[in-house]
């Protein structure tokens, strides 16, 4: 019997990948675990669908905070050999994405300020969960050997969360340069930059639609006097509270802004279905504990919500392959009872 197969109870051969599937996950097939230890997230496909870039703090690879890697999904086995390191200048790194041509990667890093990992805000007992918004993050473009070819931003603001249009002509990213967390779109060389959003709140994690005409992103919208005060106070400290976010879409010039979800709690990490008519995202809106996240799909008009994964703890960062046949995502499944978050890829069944 082949080493990657086992006998099911019905004595028929079954791919071992199916053992990673949780009951109810009818859209996923042949799930394969790609990473094995640490926190691995934001895995995004190259334009040819052969490679994935991602961030990891895996201590087995010598990391004390997130670094950027890439690997060939067919040739590289991360159980046997670490992936290819991109962020060789160290610091803390996030939000990597392949550039057109698949030979360069855009990502954000604090390496220009220090090679050391920046301090992570201490979460006090009973304290609210916050994300650090480091004003030392700048956006860089590197080759696959880790050589920085271009620094796209150079300021004292938070600049990160860059992704590239399927048209291969535009970049979208988040910045605090206006005094708030807003989306900006520019050409691949950073020119012709335009501010996309302008409402108070955190606008981030944006991705282009398959035709490159629209953006989908997560956003918080503080409305009451206390919410607005708390948001501004946290932002002044380089912090944001990501516990109340919804999914929005708009045209790449900011017009036709629409709120897609009205679920409450944290709805984030959205990505367009290859048809452009649906959006997959992560949410904890059904969780009574706050930290149980799963993937959901919704029509682009905000109707027909459907649960996709049924993780007991966490599933997020979904991205469809360029041909739409596979889905990569992060999950806490199969981590041996640890807190590790690993990368998984599955065949997608519509």
Protein backbone atom coordinates (compact mmCIF):
# COMPACT_ATOMS: atom_id res chain seq x y z
CA UNK A 1 0.00 0.00 0.00
CA UNK A 2 1.34 3.45 -0.92
CA UNK A 3 2.66 5.48 2.00
CA UNK A 4 0.24 8.34 1.33
CA UNK A 5 -2.85 6.18 1.45
CA UNK A 6 -4.69 4.18 4.09
CA UNK A 7 -7.62 1.80 4.23
CA UNK A 8 -10.89 3.34 5.31
CA UNK A 9 -13.48 1.42 7.29
CA UNK A 10 -15.04 0.36 4.01
CA UNK A 11 -11.67 -1.16 2.97
CA UNK A 12 -11.32 1.27 0.09
CA UNK A 13 -8.22 3.35 -0.49
CA UNK A 14 -8.53 6.92 0.74
CA UNK A 15 -6.01 9.80 0.46
CA UNK A 16 -4.49 10.52 3.85
CA UNK A 17 -5.16 14.24 3.22
CA UNK A 18 -8.84 13.57 3.84
CA UNK A 19 -8.07 12.82 7.49
CA UNK A 20 -7.55 16.58 7.94
CA UNK A 21 -11.05 17.35 6.77
CA UNK A 22 -13.65 18.22 9.39
CA UNK A 23 -17.27 17.14 9.06
CA UNK A 24 -19.31 19.69 7.15
CA UNK A 25 -16.46 20.97 4.95
CA UNK A 26 -18.12 20.03 1.67
CA UNK A 27 -16.19 22.60 -0.40
CA UNK A 28 -12.78 21.21 0.63
CA UNK A 29 -11.17 18.02 -0.62
CA UNK A 30 -7.72 16.43 -0.30
CA UNK A 31 -6.58 18.80 2.47
CA UNK A 32 -2.80 18.82 2.80
CA UNK A 33 -0.81 20.31 5.68
CA UNK A 34 2.08 22.46 4.44
CA UNK A 35 3.78 23.74 7.61
CA UNK A 36 4.47 22.07 10.94
CA UNK A 37 5.17 24.39 13.86
CA UNK A 38 5.04 27.99 14.97
CA UNK A 39 2.56 30.55 13.68
CA UNK A 40 2.29 30.51 9.90
CA UNK A 41 -0.09 32.89 8.19
CA UNK A 42 -0.97 35.01 5.17
CA UNK A 43 0.11 32.48 2.57
CA UNK A 44 -0.47 34.00 -0.86
CA UNK A 45 -0.04 32.43 -4.29
CA UNK A 46 2.36 33.47 -7.00
CA UNK A 47 0.67 34.49 -10.25
CA UNK A 48 1.61 31.15 -11.85
CA UNK A 49 0.14 29.18 -8.93
CA UNK A 50 3.40 27.34 -8.23
CA UNK A 51 4.68 29.12 -5.14
CA UNK A 52 3.41 30.55 -1.88
CA UNK A 53 4.81 33.43 0.16
CA UNK A 54 3.96 33.64 3.86
CA UNK A 55 5.08 34.86 7.26
CA UNK A 56 6.22 32.68 10.15
CA UNK A 57 7.67 32.96 13.63
CA UNK A 58 8.63 29.27 13.73
CA UNK A 59 11.38 29.04 16.40
CA UNK A 60 12.78 25.93 14.71
CA UNK A 61 13.85 28.24 11.88
CA UNK A 62 15.56 30.62 14.30
CA UNK A 63 12.75 33.16 14.53
CA UNK A 64 11.69 35.30 17.48
CA UNK A 65 9.12 37.22 15.40
CA UNK A 66 7.56 37.01 11.94
CA UNK A 67 9.84 36.59 8.93
CA UNK A 68 8.91 36.29 5.24
CA UNK A 69 9.41 33.05 3.33
CA UNK A 70 8.41 31.44 0.08
CA UNK A 71 8.34 27.85 -1.15
CA UNK A 72 7.42 25.78 -4.19
CA UNK A 73 4.21 24.02 -3.29
CA UNK A 74 5.07 20.90 -5.32
CA UNK A 75 8.84 20.63 -4.79
CA UNK A 76 9.48 21.86 -1.24
CA UNK A 77 8.69 19.81 1.86
CA UNK A 78 8.72 22.03 4.95
CA UNK A 79 8.88 19.00 7.24
CA UNK A 80 12.29 18.16 5.83
CA UNK A 81 13.76 21.56 4.99
CA UNK A 82 12.93 25.18 5.93
CA UNK A 83 11.41 27.36 3.20
CA UNK A 84 13.38 30.05 1.40
CA UNK A 85 13.97 33.11 3.60
CA UNK A 86 13.19 36.50 2.04
CA UNK A 87 13.46 38.93 4.99
CA UNK A 88 17.20 38.59 5.55
CA UNK A 89 17.48 42.07 7.04
CA UNK A 90 15.46 40.82 10.03
CA UNK A 91 13.17 43.11 12.05
CA UNK A 92 9.51 42.12 12.12
CA UNK A 93 7.90 41.42 8.77
CA UNK A 94 4.38 41.00 7.46
CA UNK A 95 2.02 40.90 4.49
CA UNK A 96 4.08 39.45 1.64
CA UNK A 97 2.75 39.14 -1.91
CA UNK A 98 4.27 38.06 -5.22
CA UNK A 99 4.87 40.70 -7.84
CA UNK A 100 4.08 40.11 -11.53
CA UNK A 101 6.62 37.75 -13.06
CA UNK A 102 6.83 35.66 -9.86
CA UNK A 103 10.46 36.62 -9.25
CA UNK A 104 9.92 39.42 -6.72
CA UNK A 105 7.97 39.77 -3.47
CA UNK A 106 6.50 42.88 -1.87
CA UNK A 107 6.28 42.95 1.94
CA UNK A 108 6.40 45.24 4.97
CA UNK A 109 9.28 45.27 7.44
CA UNK A 110 10.60 47.17 10.46
CA UNK A 111 14.18 46.31 9.45
CA UNK A 112 14.93 49.91 8.45
CA UNK A 113 14.53 50.94 12.08
CA UNK A 114 16.19 47.96 13.75
CA UNK A 115 17.17 44.36 13.07
CA UNK A 116 15.64 43.46 16.41
CA UNK A 117 12.02 42.43 16.81
CA UNK A 118 9.91 45.37 18.04
CA UNK A 119 8.19 45.04 21.39
CA UNK A 120 4.77 43.42 21.37
CA UNK A 121 2.13 45.16 23.54
CA UNK A 122 1.62 43.28 26.77
CA UNK A 123 -1.90 41.99 27.22
CA UNK A 124 -2.86 42.53 30.81
CA UNK A 125 -5.29 40.17 32.58
CA UNK A 126 -8.77 41.23 31.55
CA UNK A 127 -7.30 43.68 29.06
CA UNK A 128 -8.63 44.13 25.55
CA UNK A 129 -6.99 42.43 22.60
CA UNK A 130 -5.02 44.86 20.39
CA UNK A 131 -2.77 44.73 17.35
CA UNK A 132 0.41 46.84 17.18
CA UNK A 133 0.50 49.28 14.27
CA UNK A 134 4.24 49.93 14.07
CA UNK A 135 5.14 53.26 12.47
CA UNK A 136 8.49 51.65 11.57
CA UNK A 137 6.85 49.38 8.99
CA UNK A 138 7.93 50.31 5.46
CA UNK A 139 7.11 48.50 2.23
CA UNK A 140 9.91 46.82 0.29
CA UNK A 141 10.25 44.83 -2.91
CA UNK A 142 12.79 42.01 -2.84
CA UNK A 143 14.00 39.33 -5.21
CA UNK A 144 13.59 35.69 -4.22
CA UNK A 145 17.10 35.62 -2.76
CA UNK A 146 16.18 38.33 -0.25
CA UNK A 147 17.95 41.22 -1.96
CA UNK A 148 15.91 44.41 -1.55
CA UNK A 149 15.40 45.98 -4.97
CA UNK A 150 13.20 48.92 -4.00
CA UNK A 151 11.82 50.65 -0.93
CA UNK A 152 8.31 51.74 -1.83
CA UNK A 153 7.62 53.87 1.27
CA UNK A 154 9.96 55.89 3.51
CA UNK A 155 8.24 57.79 6.31
CA UNK A 156 7.25 57.56 9.97
CA UNK A 157 3.81 56.07 9.39
CA UNK A 158 2.42 52.55 9.40
CA UNK A 159 2.72 51.27 5.82
CA UNK A 160 1.83 47.59 5.29
CA UNK A 161 -0.76 45.09 4.01
CA UNK A 162 0.19 45.45 0.35
CA UNK A 163 -1.37 43.21 -2.31
CA UNK A 164 -1.22 43.28 -6.11
CA UNK A 165 -4.03 43.43 -8.68
CA UNK A 166 -4.66 40.39 -10.92
CA UNK A 167 -4.27 42.89 -13.76
CA UNK A 168 -0.66 43.21 -12.58
CA UNK A 169 -0.78 47.01 -12.73
CA UNK A 170 -1.75 48.25 -9.24
CA UNK A 171 -0.89 47.84 -5.56
CA UNK A 172 -3.22 48.49 -2.64
CA UNK A 173 -1.94 48.98 0.90
CA UNK A 174 -2.85 50.48 4.28
CA UNK A 175 -1.19 53.56 5.77
CA UNK A 176 -1.63 56.00 8.65
CA UNK A 177 -0.21 58.91 6.64
CA UNK A 178 -3.59 60.72 6.77
CA UNK A 179 -3.79 60.34 10.54
CA UNK A 180 -6.08 57.33 10.23
CA UNK A 181 -5.76 53.78 8.86
CA UNK A 182 -6.79 54.19 5.22
CA UNK A 183 -6.37 52.34 1.92
CA UNK A 184 -4.17 53.66 -0.88
CA UNK A 185 -3.77 52.46 -4.47
CA UNK A 186 -0.69 53.13 -6.60
CA UNK A 187 1.16 51.85 -9.64
CA UNK A 188 3.66 49.01 -9.24
CA UNK A 189 6.48 51.55 -8.92
CA UNK A 190 4.64 53.54 -6.23
CA UNK A 191 3.64 56.39 -8.54
CA UNK A 192 0.16 57.80 -9.16
CA UNK A 193 -0.91 57.10 -5.59
CA UNK A 194 -4.52 57.80 -4.62
CA UNK A 195 -6.26 57.56 -1.25
CA UNK A 196 -9.21 55.18 -1.50
CA UNK A 197 -10.99 55.35 1.88
CA UNK A 198 -11.61 58.33 4.15
CA UNK A 199 -13.94 57.29 6.98
CA UNK A 200 -12.81 57.03 10.59
CA UNK A 201 -11.79 53.48 11.42
CA UNK A 202 -9.34 50.78 10.44
CA UNK A 203 -9.43 49.99 6.70
CA UNK A 204 -7.06 47.15 5.87
CA UNK A 205 -6.37 43.70 4.51
CA UNK A 206 -7.53 44.71 1.03
CA UNK A 207 -7.53 42.49 -2.05
CA UNK A 208 -8.52 43.23 -5.63
CA UNK A 209 -11.42 41.51 -7.37
CA UNK A 210 -10.50 39.02 -10.14
CA UNK A 211 -11.08 41.70 -12.80
CA UNK A 212 -9.07 44.30 -10.85
CA UNK A 213 -11.96 46.77 -10.71
CA UNK A 214 -12.94 46.46 -7.04
CA UNK A 215 -11.45 46.02 -3.58
CA UNK A 216 -12.64 43.91 -0.68
CA UNK A 217 -11.34 44.74 2.79
CA UNK A 218 -11.99 44.70 6.53
CA UNK A 219 -13.03 47.87 8.34
CA UNK A 220 -13.93 49.07 11.81
CA UNK A 221 -16.36 51.96 12.10
CA UNK A 222 -16.47 53.49 15.60
CA UNK A 223 -19.68 55.49 15.89
CA UNK A 224 -20.44 56.35 19.52
CA UNK A 225 -18.52 59.02 21.39
CA UNK A 226 -16.80 56.42 23.58
CA UNK A 227 -15.92 54.18 20.61
CA UNK A 228 -14.42 57.11 18.72
CA UNK A 229 -12.42 58.26 21.73
CA UNK A 230 -11.07 54.77 22.40
CA UNK A 231 -10.15 54.24 18.74
CA UNK A 232 -8.24 57.54 18.56
CA UNK A 233 -6.47 56.95 21.87
CA UNK A 234 -5.31 53.50 20.81
CA UNK A 235 -4.22 54.73 17.38
CA UNK A 236 -2.13 57.46 19.03
CA UNK A 237 -0.31 54.66 20.88
CA UNK A 238 0.25 52.69 17.67
CA UNK A 239 -2.49 50.20 18.50
CA UNK A 240 -5.78 49.09 17.02
CA UNK A 241 -8.48 46.86 18.49
CA UNK A 242 -9.55 44.33 15.81
CA UNK A 243 -12.52 42.89 17.64
CA UNK A 244 -15.31 44.68 15.77
CA UNK A 245 -14.83 44.66 12.01
CA UNK A 246 -17.05 44.05 8.99
CA UNK A 247 -16.35 43.30 5.33
CA UNK A 248 -16.64 46.13 2.79
CA UNK A 249 -16.18 46.51 -0.96
CA UNK A 250 -15.62 49.53 -3.20
CA UNK A 251 -14.28 50.45 -6.60
CA UNK A 252 -10.52 51.01 -6.71
CA UNK A 253 -11.14 54.78 -6.72
CA UNK A 254 -13.20 54.50 -3.52
CA UNK A 255 -16.61 54.92 -5.14
CA UNK A 256 -19.54 52.54 -4.65
CA UNK A 257 -18.54 51.76 -1.04
CA UNK A 258 -20.71 48.98 0.40
CA UNK A 259 -20.81 47.15 3.72
CA UNK A 260 -21.18 43.46 2.87
CA UNK A 261 -21.44 41.85 6.31
CA UNK A 262 -23.49 42.93 9.31
CA UNK A 263 -22.57 40.04 11.58
CA UNK A 264 -20.94 41.72 14.55
CA UNK A 265 -17.66 40.76 16.23
CA UNK A 266 -14.59 40.30 13.99
CA UNK A 267 -15.03 39.67 10.27
CA UNK A 268 -11.77 39.91 8.35
CA UNK A 269 -9.29 38.33 5.91
CA UNK A 270 -11.67 38.58 2.93
CA UNK A 271 -10.82 37.33 -0.56
CA UNK A 272 -12.88 37.17 -3.74
CA UNK A 273 -14.11 33.86 -5.11
CA UNK A 274 -12.73 33.35 -8.67
CA UNK A 275 -16.16 34.22 -10.08
CA UNK A 276 -15.97 37.67 -8.50
CA UNK A 277 -19.53 37.14 -7.26
CA UNK A 278 -18.73 35.76 -3.80
CA UNK A 279 -16.35 36.60 -0.95
CA UNK A 280 -14.66 34.17 1.45
CA UNK A 281 -13.60 35.53 4.83
CA UNK A 282 -12.89 34.64 8.47
CA UNK A 283 -15.30 35.37 11.30
CA UNK A 284 -15.96 34.63 14.96
CA UNK A 285 -19.55 35.89 14.89
CA UNK A 286 -20.92 32.48 15.94
CA UNK A 287 -18.40 32.00 18.74
CA UNK A 288 -19.40 32.38 22.37
CA UNK A 289 -15.73 32.43 23.44
CA UNK A 290 -14.54 35.17 21.09
CA UNK A 291 -11.54 33.36 19.64
CA UNK A 292 -13.16 30.62 17.55
CA UNK A 293 -12.76 31.70 13.93
CA UNK A 294 -13.96 29.88 10.83
CA UNK A 295 -14.16 30.58 7.12
CA UNK A 296 -17.45 31.71 5.60
CA UNK A 297 -18.63 32.55 2.09
CA UNK A 298 -21.09 35.28 1.19
CA UNK A 299 -22.50 36.69 -2.02
CA UNK A 300 -20.99 40.04 -3.01
CA UNK A 301 -24.39 41.64 -2.33
CA UNK A 302 -24.29 40.44 1.29
CA UNK A 303 -26.72 37.52 0.94
CA UNK A 304 -26.47 33.72 1.25
CA UNK A 305 -23.95 33.34 4.07
CA UNK A 306 -22.41 29.85 4.18
CA UNK A 307 -19.93 28.31 6.63
CA UNK A 308 -16.93 26.75 4.90
CA UNK A 309 -14.66 25.41 7.68
CA UNK A 310 -15.57 23.94 11.04
CA UNK A 311 -12.39 24.42 13.05
CA UNK A 312 -12.69 24.21 16.82
CA UNK A 313 -10.26 27.11 17.36
CA UNK A 314 -9.08 29.07 14.33
CA UNK A 315 -9.18 29.22 10.54
CA UNK A 316 -8.35 32.32 8.52
CA UNK A 317 -6.32 33.89 5.67
CA UNK A 318 -8.04 32.11 2.77
CA UNK A 319 -6.80 32.68 -0.77
CA UNK A 320 -7.86 30.96 -3.98
CA UNK A 321 -5.18 29.84 -6.41
CA UNK A 322 -5.06 31.79 -9.69
CA UNK A 323 -6.89 28.99 -11.51
CA UNK A 324 -9.51 28.82 -8.75
CA UNK A 325 -8.98 25.11 -8.16
CA UNK A 326 -7.32 25.29 -4.74
CA UNK A 327 -7.69 27.18 -1.48
CA UNK A 328 -4.81 27.90 0.90
CA UNK A 329 -5.62 28.89 4.48
CA UNK A 330 -4.25 28.89 8.03
CA UNK A 331 -5.68 26.67 10.74
CA UNK A 332 -5.09 25.32 14.24
CA UNK A 333 -6.25 21.86 13.22
CA UNK A 334 -3.86 18.92 13.63
CA UNK A 335 -1.42 20.84 15.84
CA UNK A 336 -1.08 18.18 18.53
CA UNK A 337 -2.78 20.29 21.19
CA UNK A 338 -0.31 23.15 20.84
CA UNK A 339 -1.08 26.75 19.89
CA UNK A 340 0.59 26.33 16.49
CA UNK A 341 -1.12 27.76 13.44
CA UNK A 342 -0.17 26.02 10.21
CA UNK A 343 -0.75 26.35 6.50
CA UNK A 344 -3.10 24.02 4.64
CA UNK A 345 -4.10 23.67 1.00
CA UNK A 346 -7.22 21.97 -0.32
CA UNK A 347 -8.88 21.29 -3.61
CA UNK A 348 -11.89 23.59 -3.92
CA UNK A 349 -15.30 22.13 -4.77
CA UNK A 350 -17.94 24.67 -5.81
